[in-house]
Structure formats: C-alpha cells, structure tokens
Amino acid sequence: MTPVHKILTASDWDAVPPDGAWGGSAVDRADGFIHLSTDAQLHETAAKHYAGQSGLVILTLDADHTPLKALIRWEPSRGGALFPHIYGDLRAEWIMTARPASVDADGVLRIEP
C-alpha cells in the first residue's frame, strides 16, 4: 500500500458525493489534475497552502489501488520531489479515511484521530 493524501476545505468536502465522483477543487480543475501528497509531503503542503485554516479534511487513498493507480502520475514539483496527481475524478469509494484537520498560523498541521 502506498498512502497518498488530499487536503480539502470543508466546502470541497461537502461537494464530494458519497457514491460518486469528484472533479477536484477550483485549483485542481484549473491545473487539470487533482493534487495529492505523500506522507512525507503532507505537512509541507498543508503549511504552504492552508496555514491558518480550520475545518479541513484530510483524505487518505491507496495509490496502488486499481483503478486509481491507472489515473495517478508522479510528477516533479517543489525541489524536484515527485508528487502524485490524479488525472481524472476522485471516486468516493477510493477514500480509505477522511479525518478532520486544521493548520495553525505557523503552518503546523493537526489531524484529529
């Protein structure tokens, strides 16, 4: 199993249909793919893009899960690190966990159990 994560705002989480497909946030749609992070990238992504925000949700998916695996491309981003991107919709049934989270003003990610 290769866990990957998607950080969502509360409004984006509300838009994920419980039995359907979600096309991503406004930023994802503008970029043409759904941004994900690995375990090692999650905290930096949260600090960079979500500092000072509460009411977030962290989705965890298995990048090795078929058919999700066929939609993920690992592409270089910050510092040449390979980030997972979904080229297509995220299906609700691929979500392993959805945990409430917040990022304080200093960029510290706090994920509730």
PDB file of N, CA and C in Angstrom:
ATOM      1  N   MET A   1       0.835  -1.185   0.000  1.00  0.00           N
ATOM      2  CA  MET A   1       0.000   0.000   0.000  1.00  0.00           C
ATOM      3  C   MET A   1       0.876   1.244   0.000  1.00  0.00           C
ATOM      4  N   THR A   2       0.501   2.201  -0.821  1.00  0.00           N
ATOM      5  CA  THR A   2       1.181   3.490  -0.879  1.00  0.00           C
ATOM      6  C   THR A   2       0.164   4.573  -0.541  1.00  0.00           C
ATOM      7  N   PRO A   3       0.148   5.072   0.715  1.00  0.00           N
ATOM      8  CA  PRO A   3      -0.834   6.091   1.070  1.00  0.00           C
ATOM      9  C   PRO A   3      -0.508   7.444   0.438  1.00  0.00           C
ATOM     10  N   VAL A   4      -1.542   8.077  -0.069  1.00  0.00           N
ATOM     11  CA  VAL A   4      -1.457   9.447  -0.577  1.00  0.00           C
ATOM     12  C   VAL A   4      -2.625  10.213   0.015  1.00  0.00           C
ATOM     13  N   HIS A   5      -2.488  11.536   0.058  1.00  0.00           N
ATOM     14  CA  HIS A   5      -3.456  12.350   0.784  1.00  0.00           C
ATOM     15  C   HIS A   5      -3.913  13.546  -0.046  1.00  0.00           C
ATOM     16  N   LYS A   6      -5.147  13.914   0.187  1.00  0.00           N
ATOM     17  CA  LYS A   6      -5.734  15.119  -0.400  1.00  0.00           C
ATOM     18  C   LYS A   6      -6.249  15.975   0.742  1.00  0.00           C
ATOM     19  N   ILE A   7      -5.840  17.233   0.772  1.00  0.00           N
ATOM     20  CA  ILE A   7      -6.345  18.185   1.758  1.00  0.00           C
ATOM     21  C   ILE A   7      -7.523  18.919   1.136  1.00  0.00           C
ATOM     22  N   LEU A   8      -8.641  18.900   1.855  1.00  0.00           N
ATOM     23  CA  LEU A   8      -9.849  19.557   1.364  1.00  0.00           C
ATOM     24  C   LEU A   8     -10.332  20.600   2.354  1.00  0.00           C
ATOM     25  N   THR A   9     -10.909  21.669   1.833  1.00  0.00           N
ATOM     26  CA  THR A   9     -11.641  22.601   2.686  1.00  0.00           C
ATOM     27  C   THR A   9     -12.988  21.963   2.996  1.00  0.00           C
ATOM     28  N   ALA A  10     -13.676  22.494   3.969  1.00  0.00           N
ATOM     29  CA  ALA A  10     -14.993  21.960   4.328  1.00  0.00           C
ATOM     30  C   ALA A  10     -15.951  22.035   3.138  1.00  0.00           C
ATOM     31  N   SER A  11     -15.910  23.118   2.389  1.00  0.00           N
ATOM     32  CA  SER A  11     -16.825  23.241   1.247  1.00  0.00           C
ATOM     33  C   SER A  11     -16.492  22.243   0.144  1.00  0.00           C
ATOM     34  N   ASP A  12     -15.193  21.972  -0.071  1.00  0.00           N
ATOM     35  CA  ASP A  12     -14.831  20.953  -1.053  1.00  0.00           C
ATOM     36  C   ASP A  12     -15.270  19.567  -0.577  1.00  0.00           C
ATOM     37  N   TRP A  13     -15.102  19.293   0.713  1.00  0.00           N
ATOM     38  CA  TRP A  13     -15.526  18.005   1.267  1.00  0.00           C
ATOM     39  C   TRP A  13     -17.037  17.831   1.097  1.00  0.00           C
ATOM     40  N   ASP A  14     -17.789  18.896   1.324  1.00  0.00           N
ATOM     41  CA  ASP A  14     -19.245  18.839   1.152  1.00  0.00           C
ATOM     42  C   ASP A  14     -19.630  18.539  -0.298  1.00  0.00           C
ATOM     43  N   ALA A  15     -18.745  18.880  -1.247  1.00  0.00           N
ATOM     44  CA  ALA A  15     -19.038  18.673  -2.666  1.00  0.00           C
ATOM     45  C   ALA A  15     -18.723  17.254  -3.145  1.00  0.00           C
ATOM     46  N   VAL A  16     -18.035  16.453  -2.312  1.00  0.00           N
ATOM     47  CA  VAL A  16     -17.713  15.077  -2.699  1.00  0.00           C
ATOM     48  C   VAL A  16     -18.966  14.224  -2.524  1.00  0.00           C
ATOM     49  N   PRO A  17     -19.526  13.708  -3.614  1.00  0.00           N
ATOM     50  CA  PRO A  17     -20.725  12.885  -3.473  1.00  0.00           C
ATOM     51  C   PRO A  17     -20.380  11.555  -2.815  1.00  0.00           C
ATOM     52  N   PRO A  18     -21.191  11.088  -1.870  1.00  0.00           N
ATOM     53  CA  PRO A  18     -20.861   9.861  -1.139  1.00  0.00           C
ATOM     54  C   PRO A  18     -20.810   8.605  -2.005  1.00  0.00           C
ATOM     55  N   ASP A  19     -21.424   8.648  -3.157  1.00  0.00           N
ATOM     56  CA  ASP A  19     -21.429   7.466  -4.027  1.00  0.00           C
ATOM     57  C   ASP A  19     -21.091   7.821  -5.469  1.00  0.00           C
ATOM     58  N   GLY A  20     -20.269   8.847  -5.638  1.00  0.00           N
ATOM     59  CA  GLY A  20     -19.954   9.269  -6.992  1.00  0.00           C
ATOM     60  C   GLY A  20     -18.538   9.763  -7.131  1.00  0.00           C
ATOM     61  N   ALA A  21     -18.329  10.626  -8.104  1.00  0.00           N
ATOM     62  CA  ALA A  21     -17.000  11.125  -8.437  1.00  0.00           C
ATOM     63  C   ALA A  21     -16.917  12.624  -8.182  1.00  0.00           C
ATOM     64  N   TRP A  22     -15.733  13.061  -7.775  1.00  0.00           N
ATOM     65  CA  TRP A  22     -15.460  14.473  -7.502  1.00  0.00           C
ATOM     66  C   TRP A  22     -14.343  14.919  -8.430  1.00  0.00           C
ATOM     67  N   GLY A  23     -14.521  16.053  -9.074  1.00  0.00           N
ATOM     68  CA  GLY A  23     -13.570  16.540 -10.060  1.00  0.00           C
ATOM     69  C   GLY A  23     -12.462  17.412  -9.514  1.00  0.00           C
ATOM     70  N   GLY A  24     -12.425  17.612  -8.197  1.00  0.00           N
ATOM     71  CA  GLY A  24     -11.341  18.392  -7.599  1.00  0.00           C
ATOM     72  C   GLY A  24     -11.778  19.785  -7.197  1.00  0.00           C
ATOM     73  N   SER A  25     -10.873  20.451  -6.492  1.00  0.00           N
ATOM     74  CA  SER A  25     -11.100  21.835  -6.070  1.00  0.00           C
ATOM     75  C   SER A  25     -10.954  22.763  -7.268  1.00  0.00           C
ATOM     76  N   ALA A  26     -11.224  24.037  -7.063  1.00  0.00           N
ATOM     77  CA  ALA A  26     -11.053  25.014  -8.140  1.00  0.00           C
ATOM     78  C   ALA A  26      -9.601  25.026  -8.635  1.00  0.00           C
ATOM     79  N   VAL A  27      -8.648  24.930  -7.721  1.00  0.00           N
ATOM     80  CA  VAL A  27      -7.222  24.902  -8.101  1.00  0.00           C
ATOM     81  C   VAL A  27      -6.919  23.644  -8.903  1.00  0.00           C
ATOM     82  N   ASP A  28      -7.436  22.506  -8.454  1.00  0.00           N
ATOM     83  CA  ASP A  28      -7.225  21.251  -9.182  1.00  0.00           C
ATOM     84  C   ASP A  28      -7.764  21.356 -10.603  1.00  0.00           C
ATOM     85  N   ARG A  29      -8.989  21.837 -10.724  1.00  0.00           N
ATOM     86  CA  ARG A  29      -9.600  21.939 -12.057  1.00  0.00           C
ATOM     87  C   ARG A  29      -8.816  22.889 -12.951  1.00  0.00           C
ATOM     88  N   ALA A  30      -8.321  23.988 -12.382  1.00  0.00           N
ATOM     89  CA  ALA A  30      -7.528  24.943 -13.177  1.00  0.00           C
ATOM     90  C   ALA A  30      -6.220  24.309 -13.651  1.00  0.00           C
ATOM     91  N   ASP A  31      -5.625  23.454 -12.803  1.00  0.00           N
ATOM     92  CA  ASP A  31      -4.351  22.813 -13.152  1.00  0.00           C
ATOM     93  C   ASP A  31      -4.526  21.569 -14.019  1.00  0.00           C
ATOM     94  N   GLY A  32      -5.744  21.033 -14.087  1.00  0.00           N
ATOM     95  CA  GLY A  32      -6.013  19.876 -14.930  1.00  0.00           C
ATOM     96  C   GLY A  32      -5.789  18.528 -14.260  1.00  0.00           C
ATOM     97  N   PHE A  33      -5.575  18.524 -12.941  1.00  0.00           N
ATOM     98  CA  PHE A  33      -5.397  17.292 -12.194  1.00  0.00           C
ATOM     99  C   PHE A  33      -5.676  17.554 -10.723  1.00  0.00           C
ATOM    100  N   ILE A  34      -5.906  16.487  -9.962  1.00  0.00           N
ATOM    101  CA  ILE A  34      -6.148  16.605  -8.524  1.00  0.00           C
ATOM    102  C   ILE A  34      -4.822  16.428  -7.797  1.00  0.00           C
ATOM    103  N   HIS A  35      -4.450  17.444  -7.042  1.00  0.00           N
ATOM    104  CA  HIS A  35      -3.192  17.438  -6.291  1.00  0.00           C
ATOM    105  C   HIS A  35      -3.276  16.504  -5.092  1.00  0.00           C
ATOM    106  N   LEU A  36      -2.268  15.674  -4.909  1.00  0.00           N
ATOM    107  CA  LEU A  36      -2.146  14.798  -3.755  1.00  0.00           C
ATOM    108  C   LEU A  36      -0.762  14.999  -3.147  1.00  0.00           C
ATOM    109  N   SER A  37      -0.579  14.471  -1.959  1.00  0.00           N
ATOM    110  CA  SER A  37       0.720  14.494  -1.286  1.00  0.00           C
ATOM    111  C   SER A  37       0.987  13.130  -0.674  1.00  0.00           C
ATOM    112  N   THR A  38       2.258  12.764  -0.601  1.00  0.00           N
ATOM    113  CA  THR A  38       2.654  11.556   0.112  1.00  0.00           C
ATOM    114  C   THR A  38       2.697  11.866   1.602  1.00  0.00           C
ATOM    115  N   ASP A  39       2.941  10.842   2.416  1.00  0.00           N
ATOM    116  CA  ASP A  39       3.112  11.060   3.855  1.00  0.00           C
ATOM    117  C   ASP A  39       4.194  12.112   4.106  1.00  0.00           C
ATOM    118  N   ALA A  40       5.313  11.997   3.406  1.00  0.00           N
ATOM    119  CA  ALA A  40       6.453  12.896   3.621  1.00  0.00           C
ATOM    120  C   ALA A  40       6.166  14.328   3.161  1.00  0.00           C
ATOM    121  N   GLN A  41       5.234  14.508   2.253  1.00  0.00           N
ATOM    122  CA  GLN A  41       4.937  15.829   1.686  1.00  0.00           C
ATOM    123  C   GLN A  41       3.754  16.529   2.340  1.00  0.00           C
ATOM    124  N   LEU A  42       2.954  15.795   3.079  1.00  0.00           N
ATOM    125  CA  LEU A  42       1.681  16.311   3.583  1.00  0.00           C
ATOM    126  C   LEU A  42       1.838  17.553   4.448  1.00  0.00           C
ATOM    127  N   HIS A  43       2.741  17.532   5.403  1.00  0.00           N
ATOM    128  CA  HIS A  43       2.875  18.656   6.334  1.00  0.00           C
ATOM    129  C   HIS A  43       3.369  19.920   5.624  1.00  0.00           C
ATOM    130  N   GLU A  44       4.292  19.771   4.693  1.00  0.00           N
ATOM    131  CA  GLU A  44       4.774  20.940   3.947  1.00  0.00           C
ATOM    132  C   GLU A  44       3.672  21.512   3.048  1.00  0.00           C
ATOM    133  N   THR A  45       2.908  20.638   2.418  1.00  0.00           N
ATOM    134  CA  THR A  45       1.792  21.097   1.589  1.00  0.00           C
ATOM    135  C   THR A  45       0.778  21.862   2.429  1.00  0.00           C
ATOM    136  N   ALA A  46       0.453  21.318   3.596  1.00  0.00           N
ATOM    137  CA  ALA A  46      -0.502  21.985   4.489  1.00  0.00           C
ATOM    138  C   ALA A  46       0.007  23.351   4.910  1.00  0.00           C
ATOM    139  N   ALA A  47       1.272  23.439   5.294  1.00  0.00           N
ATOM    140  CA  ALA A  47       1.846  24.711   5.727  1.00  0.00           C
ATOM    141  C   ALA A  47       1.866  25.730   4.595  1.00  0.00           C
ATOM    142  N   LYS A  48       2.205  25.281   3.404  1.00  0.00           N
ATOM    143  CA  LYS A  48       2.336  26.195   2.260  1.00  0.00           C
ATOM    144  C   LYS A  48       0.988  26.723   1.759  1.00  0.00           C
ATOM    145  N   HIS A  49      -0.028  25.860   1.763  1.00  0.00           N
ATOM    146  CA  HIS A  49      -1.297  26.237   1.119  1.00  0.00           C
ATOM    147  C   HIS A  49      -2.474  26.452   2.068  1.00  0.00           C
ATOM    148  N   TYR A  50      -2.360  26.023   3.343  1.00  0.00           N
ATOM    149  CA  TYR A  50      -3.515  26.058   4.233  1.00  0.00           C
ATOM    150  C   TYR A  50      -3.233  26.683   5.593  1.00  0.00           C
ATOM    151  N   ALA A  51      -2.125  27.376   5.767  1.00  0.00           N
ATOM    152  CA  ALA A  51      -1.784  27.968   7.069  1.00  0.00           C
ATOM    153  C   ALA A  51      -2.925  28.859   7.564  1.00  0.00           C
ATOM    154  N   GLY A  52      -3.260  28.689   8.849  1.00  0.00           N
ATOM    155  CA  GLY A  52      -4.302  29.496   9.462  1.00  0.00           C
ATOM    156  C   GLY A  52      -5.718  29.033   9.182  1.00  0.00           C
ATOM    157  N   GLN A  53      -5.880  27.874   8.571  1.00  0.00           N
ATOM    158  CA  GLN A  53      -7.219  27.393   8.226  1.00  0.00           C
ATOM    159  C   GLN A  53      -7.651  26.245   9.132  1.00  0.00           C
ATOM    160  N   SER A  54      -8.907  26.268   9.493  1.00  0.00           N
ATOM    161  CA  SER A  54      -9.507  25.165  10.239  1.00  0.00           C
ATOM    162  C   SER A  54     -10.627  24.585   9.382  1.00  0.00           C
ATOM    163  N   GLY A  55     -11.264  23.542   9.879  1.00  0.00           N
ATOM    164  CA  GLY A  55     -12.361  22.937   9.131  1.00  0.00           C
ATOM    165  C   GLY A  55     -11.895  22.179   7.901  1.00  0.00           C
ATOM    166  N   LEU A  56     -10.645  21.742   7.896  1.00  0.00           N
ATOM    167  CA  LEU A  56     -10.113  20.984   6.769  1.00  0.00           C
ATOM    168  C   LEU A  56     -10.406  19.497   6.952  1.00  0.00           C
ATOM    169  N   VAL A  57     -10.280  18.755   5.864  1.00  0.00           N
ATOM    170  CA  VAL A  57     -10.428  17.308   5.896  1.00  0.00           C
ATOM    171  C   VAL A  57      -9.249  16.713   5.127  1.00  0.00           C
ATOM    172  N   ILE A  58      -8.600  15.714   5.727  1.00  0.00           N
ATOM    173  CA  ILE A  58      -7.508  15.007   5.065  1.00  0.00           C
ATOM    174  C   ILE A  58      -8.052  13.656   4.594  1.00  0.00           C
ATOM    175  N   LEU A  59      -8.056  13.465   3.283  1.00  0.00           N
ATOM    176  CA  LEU A  59      -8.448  12.184   2.712  1.00  0.00           C
ATOM    177  C   LEU A  59      -7.195  11.341   2.525  1.00  0.00           C
ATOM    178  N   THR A  60      -7.292  10.062   2.822  1.00  0.00           N
ATOM    179  CA  THR A  60      -6.201   9.138   2.559  1.00  0.00           C
ATOM    180  C   THR A  60      -6.686   8.096   1.564  1.00  0.00           C
ATOM    181  N   LEU A  61      -5.869   7.883   0.538  1.00  0.00           N
ATOM    182  CA  LEU A  61      -6.162   6.933  -0.529  1.00  0.00           C
ATOM    183  C   LEU A  61      -4.966   5.999  -0.676  1.00  0.00           C
ATOM    184  N   ASP A  62      -5.164   4.859  -1.304  1.00  0.00           N
ATOM    185  CA  ASP A  62      -4.070   3.946  -1.602  1.00  0.00           C
ATOM    186  C   ASP A  62      -3.712   4.102  -3.075  1.00  0.00           C
ATOM    187  N   ALA A  63      -2.528   4.667  -3.335  1.00  0.00           N
ATOM    188  CA  ALA A  63      -2.106   4.924  -4.717  1.00  0.00           C
ATOM    189  C   ALA A  63      -1.933   3.635  -5.518  1.00  0.00           C
ATOM    190  N   ASP A  64      -1.837   2.498  -4.842  1.00  0.00           N
ATOM    191  CA  ASP A  64      -1.683   1.220  -5.534  1.00  0.00           C
ATOM    192  C   ASP A  64      -3.016   0.556  -5.865  1.00  0.00           C
ATOM    193  N   HIS A  65      -4.110   1.172  -5.409  1.00  0.00           N
ATOM    194  CA  HIS A  65      -5.445   0.599  -5.622  1.00  0.00           C
ATOM    195  C   HIS A  65      -5.858   0.737  -7.085  1.00  0.00           C
ATOM    196  N   THR A  66      -6.294  -0.359  -7.658  1.00  0.00           N
ATOM    197  CA  THR A  66      -6.827  -0.327  -9.010  1.00  0.00           C
ATOM    198  C   THR A  66      -8.295   0.053  -8.893  1.00  0.00           C
ATOM    199  N   PRO A  67      -8.835   0.958  -9.654  1.00  0.00           N
ATOM    200  CA  PRO A  67      -8.320   1.627 -10.841  1.00  0.00           C
ATOM    201  C   PRO A  67      -7.625   2.971 -10.566  1.00  0.00           C
ATOM    202  N   LEU A  68      -7.536   3.406  -9.313  1.00  0.00           N
ATOM    203  CA  LEU A  68      -6.884   4.678  -9.012  1.00  0.00           C
ATOM    204  C   LEU A  68      -5.460   4.707  -9.537  1.00  0.00           C
ATOM    205  N   LYS A  69      -4.751   3.607  -9.403  1.00  0.00           N
ATOM    206  CA  LYS A  69      -3.345   3.540  -9.818  1.00  0.00           C
ATOM    207  C   LYS A  69      -3.166   3.974 -11.274  1.00  0.00           C
ATOM    208  N   ALA A  70      -4.119   3.627 -12.124  1.00  0.00           N
ATOM    209  CA  ALA A  70      -4.037   3.970 -13.545  1.00  0.00           C
ATOM    210  C   ALA A  70      -4.208   5.463 -13.800  1.00  0.00           C
ATOM    211  N   LEU A  71      -4.791   6.191 -12.833  1.00  0.00           N
ATOM    212  CA  LEU A  71      -5.046   7.622 -13.013  1.00  0.00           C
ATOM    213  C   LEU A  71      -3.976   8.510 -12.387  1.00  0.00           C
ATOM    214  N   ILE A  72      -3.080   7.923 -11.595  1.00  0.00           N
ATOM    215  CA  ILE A  72      -2.060   8.723 -10.902  1.00  0.00           C
ATOM    216  C   ILE A  72      -0.796   8.811 -11.733  1.00  0.00           C
ATOM    217  N   ARG A  73      -0.291  10.037 -11.843  1.00  0.00           N
ATOM    218  CA  ARG A  73       1.028  10.288 -12.431  1.00  0.00           C
ATOM    219  C   ARG A  73       1.885  10.916 -11.339  1.00  0.00           C
ATOM    220  N   TRP A  74       3.121  10.472 -11.250  1.00  0.00           N
ATOM    221  CA  TRP A  74       4.082  11.021 -10.284  1.00  0.00           C
ATOM    222  C   TRP A  74       4.925  12.041 -11.036  1.00  0.00           C
ATOM    223  N   GLU A  75       4.754  13.321 -10.676  1.00  0.00           N
ATOM    224  CA  GLU A  75       5.385  14.401 -11.434  1.00  0.00           C
ATOM    225  C   GLU A  75       6.219  15.296 -10.523  1.00  0.00           C
ATOM    226  N   PRO A  76       7.338  15.805 -11.059  1.00  0.00           N
ATOM    227  CA  PRO A  76       8.202  16.664 -10.233  1.00  0.00           C
ATOM    228  C   PRO A  76       7.535  17.996  -9.909  1.00  0.00           C
ATOM    229  N   SER A  77       7.777  18.449  -8.699  1.00  0.00           N
ATOM    230  CA  SER A  77       7.271  19.741  -8.241  1.00  0.00           C
ATOM    231  C   SER A  77       8.332  20.358  -7.357  1.00  0.00           C
ATOM    232  N   ARG A  78       7.944  20.845  -6.174  1.00  0.00           N
ATOM    233  CA  ARG A  78       8.870  21.523  -5.270  1.00  0.00           C
ATOM    234  C   ARG A  78      10.187  20.765  -5.125  1.00  0.00           C
ATOM    235  N   GLY A  79      11.274  21.421  -5.478  1.00  0.00           N
ATOM    236  CA  GLY A  79      12.594  20.840  -5.294  1.00  0.00           C
ATOM    237  C   GLY A  79      12.820  19.548  -6.061  1.00  0.00           C
ATOM    238  N   GLY A  80      12.019  19.288  -7.067  1.00  0.00           N
ATOM    239  CA  GLY A  80      12.166  18.084  -7.866  1.00  0.00           C
ATOM    240  C   GLY A  80      11.511  16.854  -7.269  1.00  0.00           C
ATOM    241  N   ALA A  81      10.865  16.998  -6.103  1.00  0.00           N
ATOM    242  CA  ALA A  81      10.174  15.861  -5.492  1.00  0.00           C
ATOM    243  C   ALA A  81       9.024  15.420  -6.384  1.00  0.00           C
ATOM    244  N   LEU A  82       8.791  14.123  -6.437  1.00  0.00           N
ATOM    245  CA  LEU A  82       7.681  13.585  -7.227  1.00  0.00           C
ATOM    246  C   LEU A  82       6.398  13.630  -6.408  1.00  0.00           C
ATOM    247  N   PHE A  83       5.417  14.341  -6.937  1.00  0.00           N
ATOM    248  CA  PHE A  83       4.108  14.451  -6.294  1.00  0.00           C
ATOM    249  C   PHE A  83       3.096  13.639  -7.084  1.00  0.00           C
ATOM    250  N   PRO A  84       2.182  12.965  -6.394  1.00  0.00           N
ATOM    251  CA  PRO A  84       1.132  12.227  -7.088  1.00  0.00           C
ATOM    252  C   PRO A  84      -0.003  13.160  -7.503  1.00  0.00           C
ATOM    253  N   HIS A  85      -0.449  12.981  -8.730  1.00  0.00           N
ATOM    254  CA  HIS A  85      -1.560  13.763  -9.272  1.00  0.00           C
ATOM    255  C   HIS A  85      -2.554  12.802  -9.907  1.00  0.00           C
ATOM    256  N   ILE A  86      -3.836  13.008  -9.632  1.00  0.00           N
ATOM    257  CA  ILE A  86      -4.881  12.202 -10.265  1.00  0.00           C
ATOM    258  C   ILE A  86      -5.342  12.922 -11.527  1.00  0.00           C
ATOM    259  N   TYR A  87      -5.219  12.253 -12.657  1.00  0.00           N
ATOM    260  CA  TYR A  87      -5.737  12.766 -13.918  1.00  0.00           C
ATOM    261  C   TYR A  87      -7.079  12.083 -14.169  1.00  0.00           C
ATOM    262  N   GLY A  88      -8.100  12.701 -13.638  1.00  0.00           N
ATOM    263  CA  GLY A  88      -9.455  12.169 -13.696  1.00  0.00           C
ATOM    264  C   GLY A  88     -10.157  12.526 -12.407  1.00  0.00           C
ATOM    265  N   ASP A  89     -11.296  11.942 -12.191  1.00  0.00           N
ATOM    266  CA  ASP A  89     -12.079  12.213 -10.991  1.00  0.00           C
ATOM    267  C   ASP A  89     -11.652  11.304  -9.847  1.00  0.00           C
ATOM    268  N   LEU A  90     -11.850  11.799  -8.639  1.00  0.00           N
ATOM    269  CA  LEU A  90     -11.630  11.010  -7.430  1.00  0.00           C
ATOM    270  C   LEU A  90     -12.975  10.385  -7.060  1.00  0.00           C
ATOM    271  N   ARG A  91     -13.006   9.089  -6.962  1.00  0.00           N
ATOM    272  CA  ARG A  91     -14.241   8.381  -6.620  1.00  0.00           C
ATOM    273  C   ARG A  91     -14.315   8.192  -5.111  1.00  0.00           C
ATOM    274  N   ALA A  92     -15.480   8.417  -4.558  1.00  0.00           N
ATOM    275  CA  ALA A  92     -15.679   8.339  -3.112  1.00  0.00           C
ATOM    276  C   ALA A  92     -15.275   6.975  -2.543  1.00  0.00           C
ATOM    277  N   GLU A  93     -15.498   5.913  -3.301  1.00  0.00           N
ATOM    278  CA  GLU A  93     -15.185   4.578  -2.777  1.00  0.00           C
ATOM    279  C   GLU A  93     -13.683   4.324  -2.639  1.00  0.00           C
ATOM    280  N   TRP A  94     -12.846   5.200  -3.186  1.00  0.00           N
ATOM    281  CA  TRP A  94     -11.393   5.062  -3.045  1.00  0.00           C
ATOM    282  C   TRP A  94     -10.882   5.655  -1.735  1.00  0.00           C
ATOM    283  N   ILE A  95     -11.718   6.414  -1.037  1.00  0.00           N
ATOM    284  CA  ILE A  95     -11.293   7.087   0.195  1.00  0.00           C
ATOM    285  C   ILE A  95     -11.207   6.055   1.322  1.00  0.00           C
ATOM    286  N   MET A  96     -10.006   5.904   1.866  1.00  0.00           N
ATOM    287  CA  MET A  96      -9.803   4.974   2.981  1.00  0.00           C
ATOM    288  C   MET A  96     -10.187   5.631   4.302  1.00  0.00           C
ATOM    289  N   THR A  97      -9.757   6.872   4.496  1.00  0.00           N
ATOM    290  CA  THR A  97     -10.128   7.631   5.689  1.00  0.00           C
ATOM    291  C   THR A  97     -10.344   9.086   5.308  1.00  0.00           C
ATOM    292  N   ALA A  98     -11.169   9.749   6.106  1.00  0.00           N
ATOM    293  CA  ALA A  98     -11.406  11.189   5.997  1.00  0.00           C
ATOM    294  C   ALA A  98     -11.339  11.724   7.422  1.00  0.00           C
ATOM    295  N   ARG A  99     -10.274  12.488   7.727  1.00  0.00           N
ATOM    296  CA  ARG A  99     -10.054  12.950   9.096  1.00  0.00           C
ATOM    297  C   ARG A  99     -10.087  14.472   9.157  1.00  0.00           C
ATOM    298  N   PRO A 100     -10.774  15.025  10.162  1.00  0.00           N
ATOM    299  CA  PRO A 100     -10.782  16.476  10.355  1.00  0.00           C
ATOM    300  C   PRO A 100      -9.370  16.968  10.673  1.00  0.00           C
ATOM    301  N   ALA A 101      -9.071  18.166  10.198  1.00  0.00           N
ATOM    302  CA  ALA A 101      -7.737  18.726  10.417  1.00  0.00           C
ATOM    303  C   ALA A 101      -7.798  20.241  10.445  1.00  0.00           C
ATOM    304  N   SER A 102      -6.722  20.824  10.909  1.00  0.00           N
ATOM    305  CA  SER A 102      -6.535  22.273  10.864  1.00  0.00           C
ATOM    306  C   SER A 102      -5.046  22.538  10.719  1.00  0.00           C
ATOM    307  N   VAL A 103      -4.732  23.738  10.288  1.00  0.00           N
ATOM    308  CA  VAL A 103      -3.342  24.169  10.162  1.00  0.00           C
ATOM    309  C   VAL A 103      -3.245  25.498  10.886  1.00  0.00           C
ATOM    310  N   ASP A 104      -2.384  25.562  11.901  1.00  0.00           N
ATOM    311  CA  ASP A 104      -2.304  26.811  12.653  1.00  0.00           C
ATOM    312  C   ASP A 104      -1.567  27.878  11.849  1.00  0.00           C
ATOM    313  N   ALA A 105      -1.529  29.083  12.385  1.00  0.00           N
ATOM    314  CA  ALA A 105      -0.925  30.212  11.675  1.00  0.00           C
ATOM    315  C   ALA A 105       0.556  29.987  11.375  1.00  0.00           C
ATOM    316  N   ASP A 106       1.210  29.146  12.177  1.00  0.00           N
ATOM    317  CA  ASP A 106       2.624  28.840  11.954  1.00  0.00           C
ATOM    318  C   ASP A 106       2.815  27.691  10.972  1.00  0.00           C
ATOM    319  N   GLY A 107       1.731  27.160  10.430  1.00  0.00           N
ATOM    320  CA  GLY A 107       1.822  26.099   9.438  1.00  0.00           C
ATOM    321  C   GLY A 107       1.873  24.700  10.005  1.00  0.00           C
ATOM    322  N   VAL A 108       1.558  24.531  11.280  1.00  0.00           N
ATOM    323  CA  VAL A 108       1.569  23.206  11.894  1.00  0.00           C
ATOM    324  C   VAL A 108       0.242  22.501  11.640  1.00  0.00           C
ATOM    325  N   LEU A 109       0.324  21.360  10.983  1.00  0.00           N
ATOM    326  CA  LEU A 109      -0.855  20.567  10.666  1.00  0.00           C
ATOM    327  C   LEU A 109      -1.267  19.745  11.864  1.00  0.00           C
ATOM    328  N   ARG A 110      -2.535  19.799  12.208  1.00  0.00           N
ATOM    329  CA  ARG A 110      -3.084  18.996  13.291  1.00  0.00           C
ATOM    330  C   ARG A 110      -4.225  18.152  12.720  1.00  0.00           C
ATOM    331  N   ILE A 111      -4.038  16.835  12.779  1.00  0.00           N
ATOM    332  CA  ILE A 111      -5.031  15.902  12.255  1.00  0.00           C
ATOM    333  C   ILE A 111      -5.686  15.195  13.434  1.00  0.00           C
ATOM    334  N   GLU A 112      -7.010  15.252  13.466  1.00  0.00           N
ATOM    335  CA  GLU A 112      -7.737  14.568  14.530  1.00  0.00           C
ATOM    336  C   GLU A 112      -7.825  13.083  14.218  1.00  0.00           C
ATOM    337  N   PRO A 113      -7.887  12.249  15.256  1.00  0.00           N
ATOM    338  CA  PRO A 113      -7.974  10.778  15.009  1.00  0.00           C
ATOM    339  C   PRO A 113      -9.283  10.379  14.351  1.00  0.00           C
TER     340      PRO A 113
END
